Amino acid sequence: MQQVFTPYDLAVLFFGSAGILTGLYIFFRRWHQQRLVEDTPEARIRSAPQGYVKLSGRARSMDGKPQRAPLSGRSCVWWTYQVEQRQNSRLPGISWLLSDSGTSDRPFLLIDQSDHCLVDPAGAEVEASDRKVWYGNSPDDVPLALFGGLNVGFGRNCRYVEAILSEDAQLAVLGEFRANTASMTNALEDEAAALLDQWKRDQPALLARFDGNHDGRVDAAEWEAARAAALTEARQNKIQQAPERRISVLAKPRGAKPFLIAARSAGQLARTEKGRAMAGLAIALLSLIVTCYAIAHARSDHDRTEASQNYVSNH
């Protein structure tokens, strides 16, 4: 006789299988990230090599003016938020629908004892320094967050979730470290344009320097020579400015490696990733047990039904 699964058995098998796959995904992803955090040597910003690195330091706003978190108005260098509205649902835990959200993509500074660099948070997995959850009745009129972000959602129509990286927070960052060559090129071009504008104000000197055919004007070819001379002079000025160094950028890697920004030490981040990996493994094992139980339960029911039918047919 063909074995038949009841709807209950099929539901347990479905959710059990989904739990196994989800748990294994969490385990391998977090275990991989834990190994990266532990195995990537920590570098100083001044001597960090180009490529995938691990840096630690304090977060600072670029211009000395911290951002303000959109919902709470707290001072920070990075923020993300969600506004959710309560929905009528028969399923517990699925009663909140996303109404609005946003994430800061403004770069900020990472400063250690040796130097500083820019951190471009676009595409990063961020462990915030502070996270608040509170409730209200309107997605547009957000009430002030209570101290510690604690509030009761009973009878409220909206939930507000906001996480920030605080100014001066201690960070551990894993990402791709590279020179901000685009900014350097733009700076040179801007300085060269300023030099050309300055030279044009003194036409006799401009003609004496670049009017090669002595026709009393600077033609297109001579103007290109003037632009090249301005770029060369701007480049020499940059080299001679000893205090001025290029600012490198820590950003999302071009490959598949993770981009992690955590408001904690590298050791704490590694332990957090390990704990999450173990939680994923526990979910997979528990789901496997539940799935095996569902299969055993279905087989037991099948055996009892078959034994009962054989007994009836024999008597």
Protein backbone atom coordinates (compact mmCIF):
# COMPACT_ATOMS: atom_id res chain seq x y z
CA MET A 1 0.00 0.00 0.00
CA GLN A 2 1.27 3.47 -0.86
CA GLN A 3 2.24 5.59 2.13
CA VAL A 4 -0.02 8.64 2.54
CA PHE A 5 0.99 11.78 4.42
CA THR A 6 -1.69 13.74 6.26
CA PRO A 7 -1.88 17.55 5.77
CA TYR A 8 -0.31 17.90 9.24
CA ASP A 9 2.63 15.68 8.24
CA LEU A 10 3.11 17.58 4.98
CA ALA A 11 3.12 20.94 6.82
CA VAL A 12 5.69 19.67 9.32
CA LEU A 13 7.83 18.28 6.50
CA PHE A 14 7.66 21.58 4.59
CA PHE A 15 8.54 23.82 7.52
CA GLY A 16 11.11 21.33 8.78
CA SER A 17 12.87 21.24 5.42
CA ALA A 18 12.76 25.04 5.20
CA GLY A 19 14.24 25.22 8.70
CA ILE A 20 17.07 22.87 7.76
CA LEU A 21 17.99 24.91 4.68
CA THR A 22 17.68 28.23 6.53
CA GLY A 23 19.73 27.01 9.48
CA LEU A 24 22.49 25.64 7.24
CA TYR A 25 22.59 28.91 5.26
CA ILE A 26 22.94 30.93 8.48
CA PHE A 27 25.58 28.56 9.82
CA PHE A 28 27.84 28.55 6.75
CA ARG A 29 27.46 32.30 6.12
CA ARG A 30 28.21 33.30 9.71
CA TRP A 31 30.96 30.71 10.09
CA HIS A 32 32.62 32.07 6.92
CA GLN A 33 32.38 35.62 8.27
CA GLN A 34 33.76 34.54 11.64
CA ARG A 35 36.79 32.98 9.92
CA LEU A 36 37.34 36.15 7.87
CA VAL A 37 37.20 38.35 10.97
CA GLU A 38 39.65 36.12 12.82
CA ASP A 39 42.02 35.37 9.92
CA THR A 40 42.26 38.86 8.36
CA PRO A 41 45.19 40.69 10.02
CA GLU A 42 44.31 44.04 11.56
CA ALA A 43 46.13 46.91 9.85
CA ARG A 44 46.88 50.54 10.64
CA ILE A 45 45.28 53.05 8.30
CA ARG A 46 48.62 54.71 7.46
CA SER A 47 50.27 51.43 6.40
CA ALA A 48 47.21 49.45 5.24
CA PRO A 49 47.69 47.65 1.91
CA GLN A 50 45.29 48.06 -0.99
CA GLY A 51 42.70 45.30 -1.00
CA TYR A 52 40.65 43.48 1.62
CA VAL A 53 41.62 44.63 5.12
CA LYS A 54 40.44 44.82 8.72
CA LEU A 55 40.67 48.24 10.38
CA SER A 56 39.65 49.55 13.78
CA GLY A 57 39.11 53.11 14.91
CA ARG A 58 36.59 55.72 15.93
CA ALA A 59 33.79 57.07 13.74
CA ARG A 60 33.74 60.79 13.00
CA SER A 61 31.67 62.91 10.64
CA MET A 62 33.52 64.26 7.61
CA ASP A 63 32.99 67.98 8.16
CA GLY A 64 32.60 67.99 11.93
CA LYS A 65 28.81 68.20 11.57
CA PRO A 66 27.18 64.90 12.58
CA GLN A 67 24.04 63.69 10.85
CA ARG A 68 20.68 63.61 12.59
CA ALA A 69 18.72 60.37 12.61
CA PRO A 70 15.42 60.98 10.76
CA LEU A 71 13.01 59.67 13.41
CA SER A 72 14.65 60.48 16.74
CA GLY A 73 16.97 63.35 15.77
CA ARG A 74 19.93 61.69 17.50
CA SER A 75 23.46 62.72 16.54
CA CYS A 76 25.23 60.05 14.46
CA VAL A 77 27.49 59.30 11.48
CA TRP A 78 25.13 56.67 9.97
CA TRP A 79 21.47 55.72 10.39
CA THR A 80 18.78 53.39 9.14
CA TYR A 81 15.08 53.31 9.96
CA GLN A 82 11.81 51.53 9.27
CA VAL A 83 8.22 52.61 9.84
CA GLU A 84 5.76 49.72 9.96
CA GLN A 85 1.96 49.75 10.17
CA ARG A 86 -0.14 47.16 11.93
CA GLN A 87 -2.20 44.94 9.64
CA ASN A 88 -5.14 42.70 10.43
CA SER A 89 -3.80 39.16 10.22
CA ARG A 90 -4.69 35.79 11.66
CA LEU A 91 -1.04 34.77 11.71
CA PRO A 92 0.94 35.92 14.77
CA GLY A 93 4.18 37.76 14.09
CA ILE A 94 3.18 38.77 10.55
CA SER A 95 0.99 41.73 11.51
CA TRP A 96 3.41 44.54 10.61
CA LEU A 97 3.70 45.89 7.04
CA LEU A 98 6.60 48.12 6.00
CA SER A 99 5.36 51.65 5.31
CA ASP A 100 8.60 53.65 4.97
CA SER A 101 12.33 53.05 5.30
CA GLY A 102 15.67 54.65 4.60
CA THR A 103 19.41 54.17 5.09
CA SER A 104 22.19 56.73 5.12
CA ASP A 105 24.79 56.43 2.36
CA ARG A 106 26.88 59.44 3.41
CA PRO A 107 30.57 58.57 3.95
CA PHE A 108 32.18 59.19 7.34
CA LEU A 109 35.71 59.12 8.73
CA LEU A 110 37.42 56.23 10.51
CA ILE A 111 40.25 57.50 12.70
CA ASP A 112 42.96 55.48 14.43
CA GLN A 113 46.18 56.57 16.16
CA SER A 114 48.11 56.69 12.88
CA ASP A 115 45.79 58.31 10.33
CA HIS A 116 42.23 58.48 8.97
CA CYS A 117 40.27 57.24 5.95
CA LEU A 118 36.80 57.53 4.50
CA VAL A 119 34.24 54.77 5.02
CA ASP A 120 31.59 54.51 2.28
CA PRO A 121 28.77 52.56 4.02
CA ALA A 122 26.82 51.74 0.84
CA GLY A 123 26.20 47.98 0.73
CA ALA A 124 27.61 47.29 4.21
CA GLU A 125 26.23 44.92 6.82
CA VAL A 126 26.16 47.22 9.86
CA GLU A 127 26.13 46.28 13.54
CA ALA A 128 24.73 49.49 15.02
CA SER A 129 25.92 51.12 18.22
CA ASP A 130 22.34 51.82 19.29
CA ARG A 131 18.94 50.54 18.17
CA LYS A 132 15.54 51.75 19.33
CA VAL A 133 12.04 50.36 18.80
CA TRP A 134 8.98 52.33 19.84
CA TYR A 135 5.32 52.70 18.90
CA GLY A 136 2.77 55.32 17.90
CA ASN A 137 -0.37 55.87 15.89
CA SER A 138 0.80 57.69 12.75
CA PRO A 139 3.52 57.01 10.14
CA ASP A 140 3.88 60.78 9.58
CA ASP A 141 3.67 62.13 13.13
CA VAL A 142 6.44 60.18 14.89
CA PRO A 143 6.42 60.46 18.71
CA LEU A 144 9.65 60.95 20.61
CA ALA A 145 11.50 57.75 21.42
CA LEU A 146 11.46 56.93 25.10
CA PHE A 147 14.71 56.54 27.00
CA GLY A 148 16.29 53.26 25.93
CA GLY A 149 13.77 52.87 23.12
CA LEU A 150 11.32 50.92 25.30
CA ASN A 151 7.63 51.24 24.69
CA VAL A 152 4.54 49.06 24.58
CA GLY A 153 2.94 48.30 21.23
CA PHE A 154 -0.44 47.18 22.56
CA GLY A 155 -3.17 49.19 20.88
CA ARG A 156 -0.71 51.16 18.69
CA ASN A 157 -0.95 51.28 14.91
CA CYS A 158 2.68 52.03 14.00
CA ARG A 159 6.07 50.68 14.97
CA TYR A 160 9.27 52.69 14.52
CA VAL A 161 12.67 51.01 14.30
CA GLU A 162 15.86 53.07 14.14
CA ALA A 163 19.53 52.12 14.39
CA ILE A 164 22.55 54.43 14.36
CA LEU A 165 26.33 54.54 14.50
CA SER A 166 27.10 57.17 17.10
CA GLU A 167 29.71 59.87 16.67
CA ASP A 168 33.02 58.68 18.19
CA ALA A 169 31.82 55.05 18.34
CA GLN A 170 34.57 52.42 18.35
CA LEU A 171 34.30 50.45 15.08
CA ALA A 172 35.74 47.32 13.49
CA VAL A 173 35.46 47.41 9.69
CA LEU A 174 36.23 44.75 7.06
CA GLY A 175 36.16 45.94 3.47
CA GLU A 176 38.19 46.89 0.42
CA PHE A 177 40.80 49.57 1.06
CA ARG A 178 41.69 51.66 -1.95
CA ALA A 179 43.01 55.10 -2.86
CA ASN A 180 40.39 57.69 -3.66
CA THR A 181 41.89 58.32 -7.08
CA ALA A 182 38.73 59.96 -8.41
CA SER A 183 38.88 62.63 -5.73
CA MET A 184 42.59 63.17 -6.42
CA THR A 185 41.93 63.61 -10.15
CA ASN A 186 39.10 66.05 -9.53
CA ALA A 187 41.24 68.04 -7.10
CA LEU A 188 44.07 68.33 -9.66
CA GLU A 189 41.66 69.41 -12.41
CA ASP A 190 40.08 72.00 -10.13
CA GLU A 191 43.49 73.43 -9.21
CA ALA A 192 44.58 73.44 -12.86
CA ALA A 193 41.40 75.33 -13.83
CA ALA A 194 42.09 77.90 -11.11
CA LEU A 195 45.64 78.36 -12.42
CA LEU A 196 44.36 78.87 -15.99
CA ASP A 197 41.85 81.44 -14.77
CA GLN A 198 44.65 83.24 -12.94
CA TRP A 199 46.90 83.21 -16.02
CA LYS A 200 44.13 84.56 -18.27
CA ARG A 201 43.89 87.66 -16.11
CA ASP A 202 47.46 88.56 -17.10
CA GLN A 203 47.23 88.44 -20.91
CA PRO A 204 50.76 89.79 -21.64
CA ALA A 205 52.33 87.09 -19.45
CA LEU A 206 50.00 84.42 -20.97
CA LEU A 207 51.00 85.42 -24.53
CA ALA A 208 54.68 85.61 -23.66
CA ARG A 209 54.57 82.08 -22.26
CA PHE A 210 52.29 80.24 -24.70
CA ASP A 211 52.02 82.26 -27.96
CA GLY A 212 54.55 80.17 -29.84
CA ASN A 213 53.83 81.55 -33.32
CA HIS A 214 53.73 85.19 -32.08
CA ASP A 215 50.40 86.01 -33.75
CA GLY A 216 49.12 87.91 -30.73
CA ARG A 217 46.64 85.26 -29.56
CA VAL A 218 46.53 81.79 -27.98
CA ASP A 219 45.13 79.32 -30.50
CA ALA A 220 43.64 75.87 -29.74
CA ALA A 221 46.96 73.99 -29.83
CA GLU A 222 48.64 76.61 -27.62
CA TRP A 223 45.71 76.49 -25.21
CA GLU A 224 46.12 72.72 -24.87
CA ALA A 225 49.78 73.35 -24.05
CA ALA A 226 48.66 75.86 -21.40
CA ARG A 227 46.24 73.28 -19.91
CA ALA A 228 49.00 70.66 -19.80
CA ALA A 229 51.32 73.15 -18.09
CA ALA A 230 48.60 74.00 -15.54
CA LEU A 231 48.06 70.29 -14.74
CA THR A 232 51.80 69.77 -14.35
CA GLU A 233 52.08 72.74 -12.00
CA ALA A 234 49.06 71.60 -10.01
CA ARG A 235 50.58 68.12 -9.68
CA GLN A 236 53.88 69.61 -8.48
CA ASN A 237 52.04 71.76 -5.96
CA LYS A 238 50.31 68.64 -4.59
CA ILE A 239 53.62 66.83 -4.23
CA GLN A 240 55.18 69.76 -2.39
CA GLN A 241 52.26 69.98 0.06
CA ALA A 242 53.71 67.59 2.66
CA PRO A 243 50.79 67.74 5.14
CA GLU A 244 48.30 67.03 2.38
CA ARG A 245 47.97 63.30 1.75
CA ARG A 246 45.53 61.40 -0.36
CA ILE A 247 42.52 60.10 1.54
CA SER A 248 41.87 56.41 1.03
CA VAL A 249 38.42 54.85 1.05
CA LEU A 250 37.15 51.71 2.75
CA ALA A 251 34.19 50.43 0.75
CA LYS A 252 32.24 47.38 -0.40
CA PRO A 253 34.58 44.79 -1.98
CA ARG A 254 34.26 44.20 -5.70
CA GLY A 255 34.18 40.42 -5.16
CA ALA A 256 32.03 38.23 -2.96
CA LYS A 257 33.71 39.01 0.38
CA PRO A 258 31.46 40.66 3.00
CA PHE A 259 31.59 44.35 3.89
CA LEU A 260 31.17 44.54 7.68
CA ILE A 261 30.91 47.63 9.90
CA ALA A 262 30.45 46.83 13.59
CA ALA A 263 30.26 49.12 16.62
CA ARG A 264 32.43 46.75 18.65
CA SER A 265 35.95 45.36 18.71
CA ALA A 266 37.13 42.79 16.16
CA GLY A 267 37.21 40.13 18.91
CA GLN A 268 33.63 40.89 19.92
CA LEU A 269 32.54 40.79 16.28
CA ALA A 270 34.15 37.36 15.83
CA ARG A 271 32.37 36.04 18.93
CA THR A 272 29.06 37.47 17.70
CA GLU A 273 29.47 35.77 14.32
CA LYS A 274 30.36 32.49 16.05
CA GLY A 275 27.25 32.71 18.23
CA ARG A 276 25.07 33.32 15.17
CA ALA A 277 26.69 30.41 13.35
CA MET A 278 25.93 28.12 16.31
CA ALA A 279 22.34 29.41 16.40
CA GLY A 280 21.97 28.56 12.70
CA LEU A 281 23.35 25.07 13.31
CA ALA A 282 20.92 24.61 16.22
CA ILE A 283 18.00 25.64 13.97
CA ALA A 284 19.10 23.13 11.32
CA LEU A 285 19.46 20.28 13.86
CA LEU A 286 16.13 21.05 15.53
CA SER A 287 14.41 21.20 12.14
CA LEU A 288 16.02 17.87 11.19
CA ILE A 289 14.67 16.28 14.37
CA VAL A 290 11.18 17.64 13.69
CA THR A 291 11.31 16.44 10.08
CA CYS A 292 12.46 12.96 11.12
CA TYR A 293 9.68 12.86 13.70
CA ALA A 294 7.09 13.76 11.03
CA ILE A 295 8.38 10.99 8.74
CA ALA A 296 8.40 8.47 11.61
CA HIS A 297 4.91 9.57 12.67
CA ALA A 298 3.58 9.15 9.13
CA ARG A 299 5.22 5.72 8.81
CA SER A 300 3.80 4.62 12.17
CA ASP A 301 0.31 5.69 11.17
CA HIS A 302 0.75 3.88 7.87
CA ASP A 303 1.90 0.66 9.61
CA ARG A 304 -1.02 0.76 12.07
CA THR A 305 -3.51 1.32 9.26
CA GLU A 306 -2.01 -1.52 7.22
CA ALA A 307 -2.01 -3.87 10.23
CA SER A 308 -5.64 -3.01 10.96
CA GLN A 309 -6.67 -3.68 7.37
CA ASN A 310 -4.80 -7.01 7.34
CA TYR A 311 -6.52 -8.03 10.56
CA VAL A 312 -9.93 -7.21 9.15
CA SER A 313 -9.25 -9.09 5.92
CA ASN A 314 -8.01 -12.17 7.81
CA HIS A 315 -11.05 -12.31 10.06
